[in-house]
Amino acid sequence: SNVNKLIEKAVDNSFPSDHTILFFAFCMTFFIYQKRWRYIWIMLALVVGISRIWVGVHYPADVIVGAIISIFSTFIASFIVSRLNIIRKLLWLYEKGEQQILPTRDKSREL
């Protein structure tokens, strides 16, 4: 009650931060699978977490626990999903369909 808030938020659930969980989950997924910009994604996730504290809608523990939950769950999900045969089959089917619909770079340069 003695916190100066930049944004008013209804008191419903503060612990852990939903925004931090969601944004860290997206950013950790990009961190795992997109090697080129991986550290930019982590920096963006940290900025979102810090901004939740800065505007006064969450305490630091809310953001830290939200980040830990999403980092842990992202690594577990990527470990499990990459080993499921049904996912591999669906990806193979998707790539076959994509090859039929979209031309490859060599074919598009010939046109």
N, C-alpha and C. Protein backbone atom coordinates (compact mmCIF):
# COMPACT_ATOMS: atom_id res chain seq x y z
N SER A 1 0.81 -1.19 0.00
CA SER A 1 0.00 0.00 0.00
C SER A 1 0.86 1.26 0.00
N ASN A 2 2.10 1.18 0.41
CA ASN A 2 2.98 2.34 0.47
C ASN A 2 3.90 2.44 -0.74
N VAL A 3 3.51 1.85 -1.84
CA VAL A 3 4.32 1.86 -3.06
C VAL A 3 3.77 2.91 -4.01
N ASN A 4 4.65 3.73 -4.56
CA ASN A 4 4.24 4.70 -5.57
C ASN A 4 4.08 3.98 -6.90
N LYS A 5 2.86 3.95 -7.41
CA LYS A 5 2.59 3.21 -8.64
C LYS A 5 2.52 4.17 -9.82
N LEU A 6 3.18 3.80 -10.90
CA LEU A 6 3.10 4.56 -12.13
C LEU A 6 1.81 4.21 -12.88
N ILE A 7 1.40 2.95 -12.78
CA ILE A 7 0.19 2.45 -13.43
C ILE A 7 -0.67 1.77 -12.37
N GLU A 8 -1.95 2.09 -12.33
CA GLU A 8 -2.86 1.42 -11.40
C GLU A 8 -3.23 0.05 -11.94
N LYS A 9 -3.21 -0.92 -11.07
CA LYS A 9 -3.56 -2.28 -11.47
C LYS A 9 -4.45 -2.86 -10.38
N ALA A 10 -5.48 -3.56 -10.82
CA ALA A 10 -6.36 -4.20 -9.86
C ALA A 10 -5.60 -5.30 -9.13
N VAL A 11 -5.84 -5.42 -7.86
CA VAL A 11 -5.15 -6.44 -7.07
C VAL A 11 -5.84 -7.77 -7.33
N ASP A 12 -5.23 -8.59 -8.16
CA ASP A 12 -5.79 -9.91 -8.42
C ASP A 12 -4.75 -10.99 -8.18
N ASN A 13 -3.68 -10.96 -8.90
CA ASN A 13 -2.62 -11.93 -8.65
C ASN A 13 -1.28 -11.26 -8.96
N SER A 14 -0.47 -11.15 -7.97
CA SER A 14 0.80 -10.48 -8.13
C SER A 14 1.94 -11.48 -8.23
N PHE A 15 1.80 -12.61 -7.62
CA PHE A 15 2.92 -13.55 -7.55
C PHE A 15 2.61 -14.81 -8.30
N PRO A 16 3.39 -15.22 -9.24
CA PRO A 16 4.46 -14.51 -9.93
C PRO A 16 3.90 -13.61 -11.03
N SER A 17 4.75 -12.83 -11.63
CA SER A 17 4.32 -11.90 -12.67
C SER A 17 3.94 -12.63 -13.95
N ASP A 18 2.70 -12.48 -14.36
CA ASP A 18 2.22 -13.14 -15.59
C ASP A 18 2.94 -12.60 -16.82
N HIS A 19 3.12 -11.29 -16.87
CA HIS A 19 3.82 -10.69 -18.02
C HIS A 19 5.25 -11.22 -18.13
N THR A 20 5.92 -11.34 -17.02
CA THR A 20 7.30 -11.83 -17.03
C THR A 20 7.34 -13.29 -17.47
N ILE A 21 6.43 -14.09 -16.97
CA ILE A 21 6.38 -15.50 -17.38
C ILE A 21 6.19 -15.61 -18.88
N LEU A 22 5.21 -14.90 -19.40
CA LEU A 22 4.90 -14.98 -20.82
C LEU A 22 6.07 -14.49 -21.68
N PHE A 23 6.60 -13.33 -21.34
CA PHE A 23 7.65 -12.76 -22.18
C PHE A 23 8.94 -13.55 -22.08
N PHE A 24 9.31 -14.02 -20.90
CA PHE A 24 10.50 -14.86 -20.77
C PHE A 24 10.32 -16.18 -21.52
N ALA A 25 9.12 -16.74 -21.53
CA ALA A 25 8.90 -17.99 -22.28
C ALA A 25 9.12 -17.77 -23.77
N PHE A 26 8.58 -16.69 -24.33
CA PHE A 26 8.82 -16.39 -25.74
C PHE A 26 10.30 -16.16 -26.01
N CYS A 27 10.91 -15.34 -25.18
CA CYS A 27 12.31 -14.99 -25.41
C CYS A 27 13.24 -16.18 -25.22
N MET A 28 12.95 -17.04 -24.27
CA MET A 28 13.78 -18.24 -24.10
C MET A 28 13.62 -19.20 -25.26
N THR A 29 12.43 -19.27 -25.84
CA THR A 29 12.25 -20.10 -27.02
C THR A 29 13.10 -19.58 -28.17
N PHE A 30 13.08 -18.27 -28.38
CA PHE A 30 13.95 -17.68 -29.41
C PHE A 30 15.42 -17.87 -29.05
N PHE A 31 15.77 -17.79 -27.77
CA PHE A 31 17.14 -17.99 -27.33
C PHE A 31 17.63 -19.39 -27.69
N ILE A 32 16.76 -20.38 -27.53
CA ILE A 32 17.15 -21.76 -27.80
C ILE A 32 17.28 -22.02 -29.30
N TYR A 33 16.32 -21.51 -30.09
CA TYR A 33 16.25 -21.90 -31.50
C TYR A 33 16.80 -20.87 -32.48
N GLN A 34 16.93 -19.62 -32.11
CA GLN A 34 17.46 -18.59 -33.00
C GLN A 34 18.83 -18.15 -32.47
N LYS A 35 19.88 -18.67 -33.05
CA LYS A 35 21.22 -18.40 -32.55
C LYS A 35 21.70 -16.98 -32.84
N ARG A 36 21.20 -16.38 -33.89
CA ARG A 36 21.74 -15.10 -34.34
C ARG A 36 21.47 -13.96 -33.36
N TRP A 37 20.26 -13.83 -32.88
CA TRP A 37 19.87 -12.71 -32.01
C TRP A 37 19.59 -13.16 -30.59
N ARG A 38 20.15 -14.25 -30.15
CA ARG A 38 19.77 -14.85 -28.88
C ARG A 38 19.96 -13.93 -27.68
N TYR A 39 21.00 -13.15 -27.63
CA TYR A 39 21.23 -12.30 -26.46
C TYR A 39 20.37 -11.05 -26.47
N ILE A 40 19.94 -10.64 -27.65
CA ILE A 40 19.00 -9.51 -27.73
C ILE A 40 17.67 -9.91 -27.10
N TRP A 41 17.23 -11.15 -27.34
CA TRP A 41 15.97 -11.61 -26.77
C TRP A 41 16.03 -11.66 -25.25
N ILE A 42 17.15 -12.09 -24.71
CA ILE A 42 17.29 -12.14 -23.26
C ILE A 42 17.27 -10.72 -22.69
N MET A 43 17.93 -9.79 -23.36
CA MET A 43 17.92 -8.41 -22.90
C MET A 43 16.50 -7.83 -22.91
N LEU A 44 15.72 -8.14 -23.95
CA LEU A 44 14.33 -7.68 -24.00
C LEU A 44 13.50 -8.26 -22.86
N ALA A 45 13.72 -9.53 -22.56
CA ALA A 45 12.99 -10.16 -21.46
C ALA A 45 13.35 -9.49 -20.13
N LEU A 46 14.63 -9.20 -19.95
CA LEU A 46 15.05 -8.51 -18.73
C LEU A 46 14.44 -7.11 -18.63
N VAL A 47 14.37 -6.42 -19.76
CA VAL A 47 13.77 -5.08 -19.76
C VAL A 47 12.30 -5.15 -19.37
N VAL A 48 11.59 -6.15 -19.87
CA VAL A 48 10.17 -6.30 -19.49
C VAL A 48 10.06 -6.59 -18.00
N GLY A 49 10.90 -7.46 -17.48
CA GLY A 49 10.86 -7.76 -16.06
C GLY A 49 11.16 -6.55 -15.20
N ILE A 50 12.18 -5.80 -15.58
CA ILE A 50 12.53 -4.59 -14.84
C ILE A 50 11.43 -3.54 -14.95
N SER A 51 10.82 -3.45 -16.12
CA SER A 51 9.76 -2.46 -16.29
C SER A 51 8.55 -2.75 -15.40
N ARG A 52 8.28 -4.02 -15.13
CA ARG A 52 7.17 -4.38 -14.25
C ARG A 52 7.44 -3.90 -12.82
N ILE A 53 8.70 -3.97 -12.42
CA ILE A 53 9.08 -3.45 -11.11
C ILE A 53 9.06 -1.92 -11.13
N TRP A 54 9.59 -1.34 -12.20
CA TRP A 54 9.71 0.12 -12.32
C TRP A 54 8.35 0.83 -12.23
N VAL A 55 7.35 0.27 -12.89
CA VAL A 55 6.03 0.92 -12.87
C VAL A 55 5.27 0.63 -11.58
N GLY A 56 5.79 -0.23 -10.76
CA GLY A 56 5.21 -0.46 -9.45
C GLY A 56 4.09 -1.47 -9.38
N VAL A 57 3.98 -2.34 -10.37
CA VAL A 57 2.92 -3.34 -10.32
C VAL A 57 3.40 -4.69 -9.78
N HIS A 58 4.73 -4.85 -9.63
CA HIS A 58 5.28 -6.10 -9.10
C HIS A 58 6.49 -5.82 -8.22
N TYR A 59 6.69 -6.71 -7.30
CA TYR A 59 7.90 -6.70 -6.48
C TYR A 59 8.98 -7.49 -7.21
N PRO A 60 10.25 -7.26 -6.87
CA PRO A 60 11.33 -8.01 -7.53
C PRO A 60 11.18 -9.52 -7.44
N ALA A 61 10.71 -10.04 -6.32
CA ALA A 61 10.53 -11.49 -6.19
C ALA A 61 9.50 -12.02 -7.17
N ASP A 62 8.45 -11.25 -7.46
CA ASP A 62 7.44 -11.65 -8.44
C ASP A 62 8.07 -11.87 -9.81
N VAL A 63 8.92 -10.95 -10.20
CA VAL A 63 9.56 -11.00 -11.51
C VAL A 63 10.61 -12.11 -11.56
N ILE A 64 11.41 -12.24 -10.51
CA ILE A 64 12.46 -13.27 -10.49
C ILE A 64 11.85 -14.67 -10.55
N VAL A 65 10.82 -14.91 -9.76
CA VAL A 65 10.17 -16.23 -9.77
C VAL A 65 9.48 -16.48 -11.10
N GLY A 66 8.86 -15.46 -11.68
CA GLY A 66 8.26 -15.61 -13.01
C GLY A 66 9.29 -15.97 -14.06
N ALA A 67 10.46 -15.34 -14.00
CA ALA A 67 11.52 -15.65 -14.96
C ALA A 67 12.04 -17.07 -14.76
N ILE A 68 12.23 -17.47 -13.52
CA ILE A 68 12.72 -18.83 -13.23
C ILE A 68 11.73 -19.88 -13.72
N ILE A 69 10.45 -19.66 -13.47
CA ILE A 69 9.43 -20.62 -13.91
C ILE A 69 9.44 -20.76 -15.43
N SER A 70 9.49 -19.64 -16.14
CA SER A 70 9.44 -19.72 -17.60
C SER A 70 10.72 -20.28 -18.19
N ILE A 71 11.88 -19.95 -17.62
CA ILE A 71 13.14 -20.51 -18.13
C ILE A 71 13.15 -22.03 -17.94
N PHE A 72 12.79 -22.47 -16.77
CA PHE A 72 12.75 -23.90 -16.48
C PHE A 72 11.76 -24.63 -17.38
N SER A 73 10.56 -24.10 -17.50
CA SER A 73 9.53 -24.77 -18.30
C SER A 73 9.87 -24.75 -19.80
N THR A 74 10.53 -23.70 -20.28
CA THR A 74 10.92 -23.65 -21.69
C THR A 74 11.95 -24.71 -22.00
N PHE A 75 12.95 -24.86 -21.14
CA PHE A 75 13.96 -25.90 -21.37
C PHE A 75 13.36 -27.30 -21.29
N ILE A 76 12.47 -27.53 -20.34
CA ILE A 76 11.81 -28.84 -20.22
C ILE A 76 10.96 -29.11 -21.46
N ALA A 77 10.17 -28.13 -21.88
CA ALA A 77 9.31 -28.31 -23.05
C ALA A 77 10.12 -28.55 -24.31
N SER A 78 11.20 -27.81 -24.50
CA SER A 78 12.01 -28.01 -25.71
C SER A 78 12.70 -29.36 -25.69
N PHE A 79 13.07 -29.84 -24.51
CA PHE A 79 13.69 -31.15 -24.39
C PHE A 79 12.69 -32.26 -24.72
N ILE A 80 11.48 -32.15 -24.20
CA ILE A 80 10.47 -33.18 -24.40
C ILE A 80 9.92 -33.15 -25.82
N VAL A 81 9.56 -31.97 -26.31
CA VAL A 81 8.93 -31.86 -27.63
C VAL A 81 9.88 -32.30 -28.74
N SER A 82 11.16 -32.00 -28.62
CA SER A 82 12.10 -32.39 -29.68
C SER A 82 12.28 -33.90 -29.77
N ARG A 83 11.87 -34.64 -28.76
CA ARG A 83 12.03 -36.09 -28.78
C ARG A 83 10.74 -36.86 -29.09
N LEU A 84 9.65 -36.16 -29.31
CA LEU A 84 8.40 -36.83 -29.64
C LEU A 84 8.34 -37.14 -31.13
N ASN A 85 8.07 -38.40 -31.46
CA ASN A 85 8.03 -38.82 -32.86
C ASN A 85 6.89 -38.14 -33.62
N ILE A 86 5.77 -37.91 -32.97
CA ILE A 86 4.64 -37.28 -33.65
C ILE A 86 5.01 -35.86 -34.09
N ILE A 87 5.78 -35.16 -33.29
CA ILE A 87 6.22 -33.81 -33.67
C ILE A 87 7.14 -33.89 -34.87
N ARG A 88 8.04 -34.84 -34.88
CA ARG A 88 8.95 -35.00 -36.02
C ARG A 88 8.17 -35.31 -37.30
N LYS A 89 7.16 -36.16 -37.19
CA LYS A 89 6.35 -36.51 -38.36
C LYS A 89 5.56 -35.30 -38.85
N LEU A 90 5.00 -34.54 -37.92
CA LEU A 90 4.25 -33.35 -38.31
C LEU A 90 5.16 -32.30 -38.96
N LEU A 91 6.36 -32.14 -38.45
CA LEU A 91 7.31 -31.20 -39.07
C LEU A 91 7.72 -31.66 -40.46
N TRP A 92 7.92 -32.96 -40.62
CA TRP A 92 8.27 -33.49 -41.94
C TRP A 92 7.13 -33.24 -42.92
N LEU A 93 5.89 -33.48 -42.48
CA LEU A 93 4.72 -33.26 -43.32
C LEU A 93 4.59 -31.78 -43.67
N TYR A 94 4.81 -30.91 -42.72
CA TYR A 94 4.75 -29.48 -42.95
C TYR A 94 5.80 -29.04 -43.98
N GLU A 95 7.02 -29.54 -43.83
CA GLU A 95 8.09 -29.16 -44.76
C GLU A 95 7.82 -29.67 -46.17
N LYS A 96 7.23 -30.86 -46.30
CA LYS A 96 6.87 -31.38 -47.63
C LYS A 96 5.81 -30.48 -48.27
N GLY A 97 4.81 -30.09 -47.50
CA GLY A 97 3.78 -29.19 -48.01
C GLY A 97 4.34 -27.83 -48.35
N GLU A 98 5.26 -27.34 -47.55
CA GLU A 98 5.88 -26.05 -47.81
C GLU A 98 6.68 -26.08 -49.11
N GLN A 99 7.36 -27.18 -49.37
CA GLN A 99 8.12 -27.32 -50.61
C GLN A 99 7.21 -27.33 -51.83
N GLN A 100 6.00 -27.85 -51.68
CA GLN A 100 5.05 -27.88 -52.78
C GLN A 100 4.45 -26.50 -53.04
N ILE A 101 4.22 -25.74 -51.99
CA ILE A 101 3.55 -24.44 -52.12
C ILE A 101 4.52 -23.32 -52.44
N LEU A 102 5.62 -23.26 -51.70
CA LEU A 102 6.57 -22.16 -51.87
C LEU A 102 7.75 -22.61 -52.72
N PRO A 103 8.13 -21.81 -53.71
CA PRO A 103 9.29 -22.19 -54.51
C PRO A 103 10.58 -21.99 -53.72
N THR A 104 11.58 -22.78 -54.05
CA THR A 104 12.88 -22.60 -53.40
C THR A 104 13.55 -21.37 -53.97
N ARG A 105 14.64 -20.96 -53.38
CA ARG A 105 15.33 -19.75 -53.84
C ARG A 105 15.86 -19.91 -55.26
N ASP A 106 16.34 -21.09 -55.60
CA ASP A 106 16.87 -21.30 -56.95
C ASP A 106 15.78 -21.15 -58.00
N LYS A 107 14.60 -21.69 -57.73
CA LYS A 107 13.50 -21.59 -58.68
C LYS A 107 12.99 -20.16 -58.80
N SER A 108 12.97 -19.43 -57.69
CA SER A 108 12.46 -18.06 -57.75
C SER A 108 13.41 -17.13 -58.50
N ARG A 109 14.70 -17.42 -58.50
CA ARG A 109 15.67 -16.60 -59.24
C ARG A 109 15.58 -16.85 -60.75
N GLU A 110 15.14 -18.06 -61.12
CA GLU A 110 15.00 -18.36 -62.55
C GLU A 110 13.85 -17.61 -63.17
N LEU A 111 12.83 -17.26 -62.39
CA LEU A 111 11.65 -16.58 -62.93
C LEU A 111 11.96 -15.20 -63.24
